[in-house]
Protein backbone atom coordinates (compact mmCIF):
# COMPACT_ATOMS: atom_id res chain seq x y z
CA LEU A 1 -80.66 -29.14 63.58
CA ALA A 2 -82.36 -31.78 62.05
CA ASP A 3 -83.68 -29.42 59.55
CA LYS A 4 -80.07 -28.91 58.25
CA ILE A 5 -79.23 -32.34 58.09
CA ASP A 6 -82.11 -33.31 56.09
CA VAL A 7 -81.23 -30.17 53.84
CA LEU A 8 -77.65 -31.70 53.89
CA ALA A 9 -78.50 -35.25 53.28
CA GLY A 10 -80.67 -34.58 50.34
CA PHE A 11 -78.84 -32.19 48.26
CA TRP A 12 -75.99 -35.38 48.63
CA ALA A 13 -78.36 -37.76 47.91
CA ILE A 14 -78.99 -36.01 44.44
CA ASN A 15 -75.43 -35.16 44.10
CA GLU A 16 -75.94 -31.43 44.19
CA LYS A 17 -72.61 -30.05 46.11
CA PRO A 18 -70.99 -26.42 46.44
CA THR A 19 -68.76 -26.28 43.82
CA GLY A 20 -65.58 -23.65 44.20
CA SER A 21 -67.04 -20.42 45.07
CA LYS A 22 -70.58 -21.75 44.14
CA ASP A 23 -73.07 -22.43 46.66
CA PRO A 24 -76.67 -21.59 45.46
CA TYR A 25 -78.10 -23.72 48.27
CA ALA A 26 -76.07 -22.10 51.14
CA LEU A 27 -75.11 -25.56 52.47
CA ARG A 28 -71.49 -24.71 53.60
CA ARG A 29 -73.65 -22.41 56.07
CA ALA A 30 -75.63 -24.72 56.82
CA ALA A 31 -73.10 -27.29 57.99
CA LEU A 32 -71.69 -24.39 59.51
CA GLY A 33 -74.89 -24.05 61.82
CA VAL A 34 -74.63 -28.12 62.57
CA ILE A 35 -71.19 -27.68 64.12
CA ARG A 36 -72.16 -24.63 65.86
CA ILE A 37 -75.38 -26.00 67.56
CA VAL A 38 -73.49 -29.15 68.04
CA ILE A 39 -70.56 -27.64 69.97
CA GLU A 40 -71.78 -24.39 71.33
CA ASN A 41 -74.83 -26.83 73.30
CA GLY A 42 -72.23 -29.88 74.37
CA LEU A 43 -74.01 -32.23 72.09
CA ARG A 44 -73.07 -35.69 71.38
CA ILE A 45 -74.58 -36.96 68.04
CA PRO A 46 -73.35 -39.78 65.29
CA LEU A 47 -73.55 -37.40 62.42
CA LEU A 48 -73.02 -40.59 59.92
CA TYR A 49 -75.40 -42.54 61.43
CA LEU A 50 -77.92 -39.26 60.96
CA VAL A 51 -77.06 -38.87 57.45
CA ARG A 52 -77.74 -42.64 56.72
CA VAL A 53 -81.17 -42.60 58.36
CA ALA A 54 -82.00 -39.34 56.53
CA GLN A 55 -80.99 -40.35 53.21
CA SER A 56 -82.89 -44.01 53.72
CA HIS A 57 -86.34 -41.85 53.42
CA LEU A 58 -85.40 -40.51 50.15
CA HIS A 59 -86.30 -42.22 46.82
CA VAL A 60 -82.63 -42.43 45.84
CA HIS A 61 -79.56 -44.94 46.21
CA ALA A 62 -77.31 -42.70 48.16
CA ASN A 63 -74.02 -43.86 49.32
CA SER A 64 -72.39 -40.85 50.00
CA GLY A 65 -72.39 -40.27 53.90
CA LYS A 66 -68.79 -40.17 54.25
CA ASP A 67 -68.24 -37.47 51.23
CA LEU A 68 -70.69 -35.39 53.41
CA LEU A 69 -68.60 -36.24 56.67
CA ALA A 70 -65.59 -34.76 54.55
CA PHE A 71 -66.95 -31.79 53.54
CA PHE A 72 -68.40 -31.69 57.43
CA ALA A 73 -64.40 -31.88 58.29
CA ASP A 74 -63.77 -28.81 56.15
CA ARG A 75 -66.45 -26.72 57.62
CA LEU A 76 -65.21 -28.12 60.93
CA LYS A 77 -61.75 -26.87 60.16
CA VAL A 78 -63.23 -23.37 59.12
CA TYR A 79 -64.80 -22.89 62.53
CA LEU A 80 -62.26 -24.33 64.87
CA ARG A 81 -59.81 -21.85 62.49
CA ASP A 82 -61.52 -19.00 63.76
CA LYS A 83 -61.40 -20.29 67.04
CA GLY A 84 -57.31 -20.32 66.69
CA ALA A 85 -56.97 -23.93 66.22
CA ARG A 86 -54.16 -25.76 63.94
CA HIS A 87 -55.77 -27.14 60.72
CA ASP A 88 -53.29 -29.81 60.36
CA LEU A 89 -53.75 -31.08 64.01
CA ILE A 90 -57.72 -31.40 62.65
CA ASP A 91 -56.86 -33.33 59.76
CA ALA A 92 -54.32 -35.68 62.14
CA VAL A 93 -57.66 -36.38 64.28
CA PHE A 94 -60.07 -36.65 61.10
CA ALA A 95 -57.45 -38.89 59.66
CA LEU A 96 -58.76 -41.75 62.20
CA GLU A 97 -61.66 -44.10 61.12
CA ASP A 98 -65.31 -43.29 61.88
CA GLN A 99 -64.51 -39.95 63.29
CA ASP A 100 -68.48 -38.85 63.14
CA ASP A 101 -68.49 -37.06 66.66
CA LEU A 102 -68.02 -33.69 66.29
CA LEU A 103 -67.72 -32.76 70.10
CA MET A 104 -65.30 -35.47 70.55
CA ILE A 105 -63.11 -34.83 67.48
CA VAL A 106 -63.15 -31.14 69.08
CA LYS A 107 -62.28 -32.42 72.39
CA ARG A 108 -59.13 -34.29 70.65
CA VAL A 109 -58.02 -31.82 68.74
CA GLU A 110 -57.78 -29.24 71.92
CA ALA A 111 -55.86 -32.00 73.97
CA LEU A 112 -53.58 -32.66 70.87
CA ALA A 113 -52.61 -28.82 70.63
CA ARG A 114 -52.14 -28.45 74.31
CA PHE A 115 -49.53 -31.72 74.13
CA LEU A 116 -47.81 -30.36 71.15
CA ASP A 117 -46.88 -27.23 72.89
CA THR A 118 -44.94 -29.05 75.64
CA ASP A 119 -41.37 -30.42 75.01
CA ASP A 120 -42.66 -33.86 75.49
CA GLY A 121 -45.22 -33.33 72.78
CA LYS A 122 -42.92 -31.52 70.46
CA ASN A 123 -40.07 -34.58 70.88
CA LEU A 124 -42.54 -36.94 70.93
CA LEU A 125 -43.74 -36.07 67.52
CA ALA A 126 -40.24 -35.19 65.84
CA GLY A 127 -39.31 -38.99 67.02
CA ALA A 128 -43.20 -40.23 65.33
CA LYS A 129 -42.21 -38.38 62.55
CA ARG A 130 -38.68 -40.16 61.95
CA ALA A 131 -40.12 -43.36 62.66
CA ALA A 132 -42.90 -42.90 60.22
CA ASN A 133 -40.29 -41.77 57.31
CA ILE A 134 -38.02 -44.57 57.61
CA LEU A 135 -40.85 -46.75 57.46
CA ARG A 136 -42.16 -45.32 54.52
CA ALA A 137 -38.98 -45.51 52.83
CA GLU A 138 -38.31 -49.20 53.86
CA GLU A 139 -42.15 -50.36 52.84
CA LYS A 140 -40.93 -48.90 49.47
CA LYS A 141 -38.52 -51.45 49.17
CA ASP A 142 -40.47 -54.63 51.14
CA GLY A 143 -44.00 -53.70 49.92
CA ALA A 144 -46.80 -52.29 52.00
CA GLY A 145 -47.56 -54.26 55.02
CA ALA A 146 -44.06 -55.76 55.13
CA PHE A 147 -43.73 -55.05 59.13
CA ASP A 148 -47.40 -55.44 59.88
CA ALA A 149 -46.54 -58.49 61.98
CA ARG A 150 -45.63 -58.15 66.12
CA HIS A 151 -42.13 -58.36 66.32
CA ALA A 152 -39.79 -60.71 68.21
CA PRO A 153 -38.89 -60.26 71.56
CA ASN A 154 -35.88 -62.82 71.09
CA LEU A 155 -34.43 -60.80 68.32
CA ARG A 156 -34.09 -57.76 70.59
CA SER A 157 -30.35 -57.42 70.95
CA GLN A 158 -30.04 -54.12 72.78
CA HIS A 159 -31.20 -52.36 75.94
CA GLU A 160 -33.09 -49.26 74.38
CA GLU A 161 -34.94 -52.09 72.02
CA HIS A 162 -36.25 -53.71 75.02
CA ALA A 163 -37.17 -50.39 76.95
CA LEU A 164 -39.02 -49.05 73.80
CA ALA A 165 -41.14 -52.29 73.49
CA ALA A 166 -42.14 -52.14 77.24
CA ALA A 167 -42.68 -48.71 76.74
CA ILE A 168 -44.94 -49.01 73.93
CA ASP A 169 -47.00 -52.09 75.32
CA ARG A 170 -47.56 -49.71 78.79
CA ALA A 171 -48.46 -46.75 76.42
CA ARG A 172 -50.56 -48.58 74.23
CA ASN A 173 -52.65 -50.09 77.21
CA GLU A 174 -53.08 -46.89 78.98
CA THR A 175 -53.99 -44.84 75.72
CA GLN A 176 -56.69 -47.66 74.91
CA GLU A 177 -58.10 -46.93 78.58
CA ARG A 178 -57.83 -43.23 78.43
CA VAL A 179 -59.42 -42.84 74.70
CA ARG A 180 -62.40 -45.72 75.69
CA ALA A 181 -63.11 -42.85 78.31
CA GLU A 182 -63.12 -40.54 76.48
CA ASP A 183 -60.13 -38.69 78.51
CA PHE A 184 -58.22 -37.56 75.58
CA GLU A 185 -55.76 -35.56 78.10
CA GLY A 186 -54.78 -38.66 79.89
CA ALA A 187 -54.41 -40.74 76.34
CA MET A 188 -51.80 -37.86 75.77
CA HIS A 189 -49.87 -38.15 78.78
CA ALA A 190 -49.84 -42.09 77.92
CA LEU A 191 -48.22 -41.01 74.77
CA ALA A 192 -45.57 -38.41 76.92
CA LYS A 193 -43.97 -41.12 78.23
CA LEU A 194 -42.75 -42.95 75.38
CA ARG A 195 -40.21 -39.81 74.70
CA ALA A 196 -37.57 -41.16 76.69
CA PRO A 197 -37.34 -44.49 75.17
CA VAL A 198 -37.91 -43.36 71.59
CA ASP A 199 -35.11 -40.65 71.90
CA ALA A 200 -33.00 -43.33 73.05
CA PHE A 201 -33.83 -45.94 71.15
CA PHE A 202 -32.94 -43.67 67.67
CA ASP A 203 -29.54 -42.55 69.45
CA LYS A 204 -28.10 -45.81 70.30
CA VAL A 205 -30.04 -48.40 67.84
CA THR A 206 -29.11 -48.96 63.84
CA VAL A 207 -32.51 -49.77 62.41
CA ASN A 208 -31.38 -50.59 59.00
CA ALA A 209 -29.24 -53.08 60.45
CA GLU A 210 -26.72 -55.14 58.09
CA ASP A 211 -28.45 -58.64 59.62
CA ALA A 212 -32.09 -58.89 57.67
CA GLY A 213 -33.60 -60.34 60.62
CA LEU A 214 -32.51 -57.75 62.95
CA ARG A 215 -33.86 -54.89 60.21
CA LYS A 216 -36.93 -56.13 59.69
CA ASN A 217 -37.61 -56.85 63.94
CA ARG A 218 -36.88 -53.25 64.19
CA LEU A 219 -38.87 -51.89 61.67
CA GLN A 220 -41.63 -53.94 63.20
CA LEU A 221 -41.04 -52.43 66.71
CA LEU A 222 -41.49 -48.75 64.52
CA ASN A 223 -44.49 -50.23 63.23
CA GLU A 224 -46.00 -50.96 66.37
CA LEU A 225 -44.74 -47.65 67.90
CA ARG A 226 -46.82 -45.68 64.90
CA ALA A 227 -49.74 -48.19 65.51
CA GLY A 228 -50.11 -47.12 69.26
CA MET A 229 -49.75 -43.50 68.51
CA HIS A 230 -52.34 -44.07 65.96
CA LEU A 231 -55.15 -44.47 68.76
CA VAL A 232 -54.69 -40.88 69.63
CA ALA A 233 -54.10 -39.05 66.25
CA ASP A 234 -52.61 -39.57 62.80
CA PHE A 235 -48.75 -38.14 63.99
CA SER A 236 -47.52 -38.45 60.29
């Protein structure tokens, strides 16, 4: 494992990476070797840290850790795809910040796959996509980050808004606890509780209300939903 990481860190430090189908130094095979050793032996290693340690011993200025991590992500997709995993689930987990523990990434992907096979998972994903699409469209008008502030409880006017706000708070707290405990199945179960209030919100509430204050508040609430779900994976 040390040998393979050292080889990869060294070649990345001198910017000698595989291009297209060319891989004269078998670096793809080396990365796949790292992945196999880690996953099949259940090893917990901070990959980014190890790469930086390896590069710190070389007499070059290298800042290629994250680029190498992206290379590992591509190899992990190949490894997991061969085992039947969906590549978009791997992307959804890698989209989170600082994912360099390969074993935990695989556990997240597996938990996400099982969750999205359930009715709650499928329906919540549809709701999350709808929220993301609305936010994307409205952020183009109002500017990036326009709805990042917390919504104002006193501007909620419908029962479904109150119910969704309470559900988001509960789900966020439980999800954070479960993720910290590396209980990804539990984190998915916490998110599943959002399905009914999300469905009801979209069924009864007009997000783009004529009243500018109501509109902004409802978009802020949807942004909180997106952020809460982002603790587990990037559902967009």
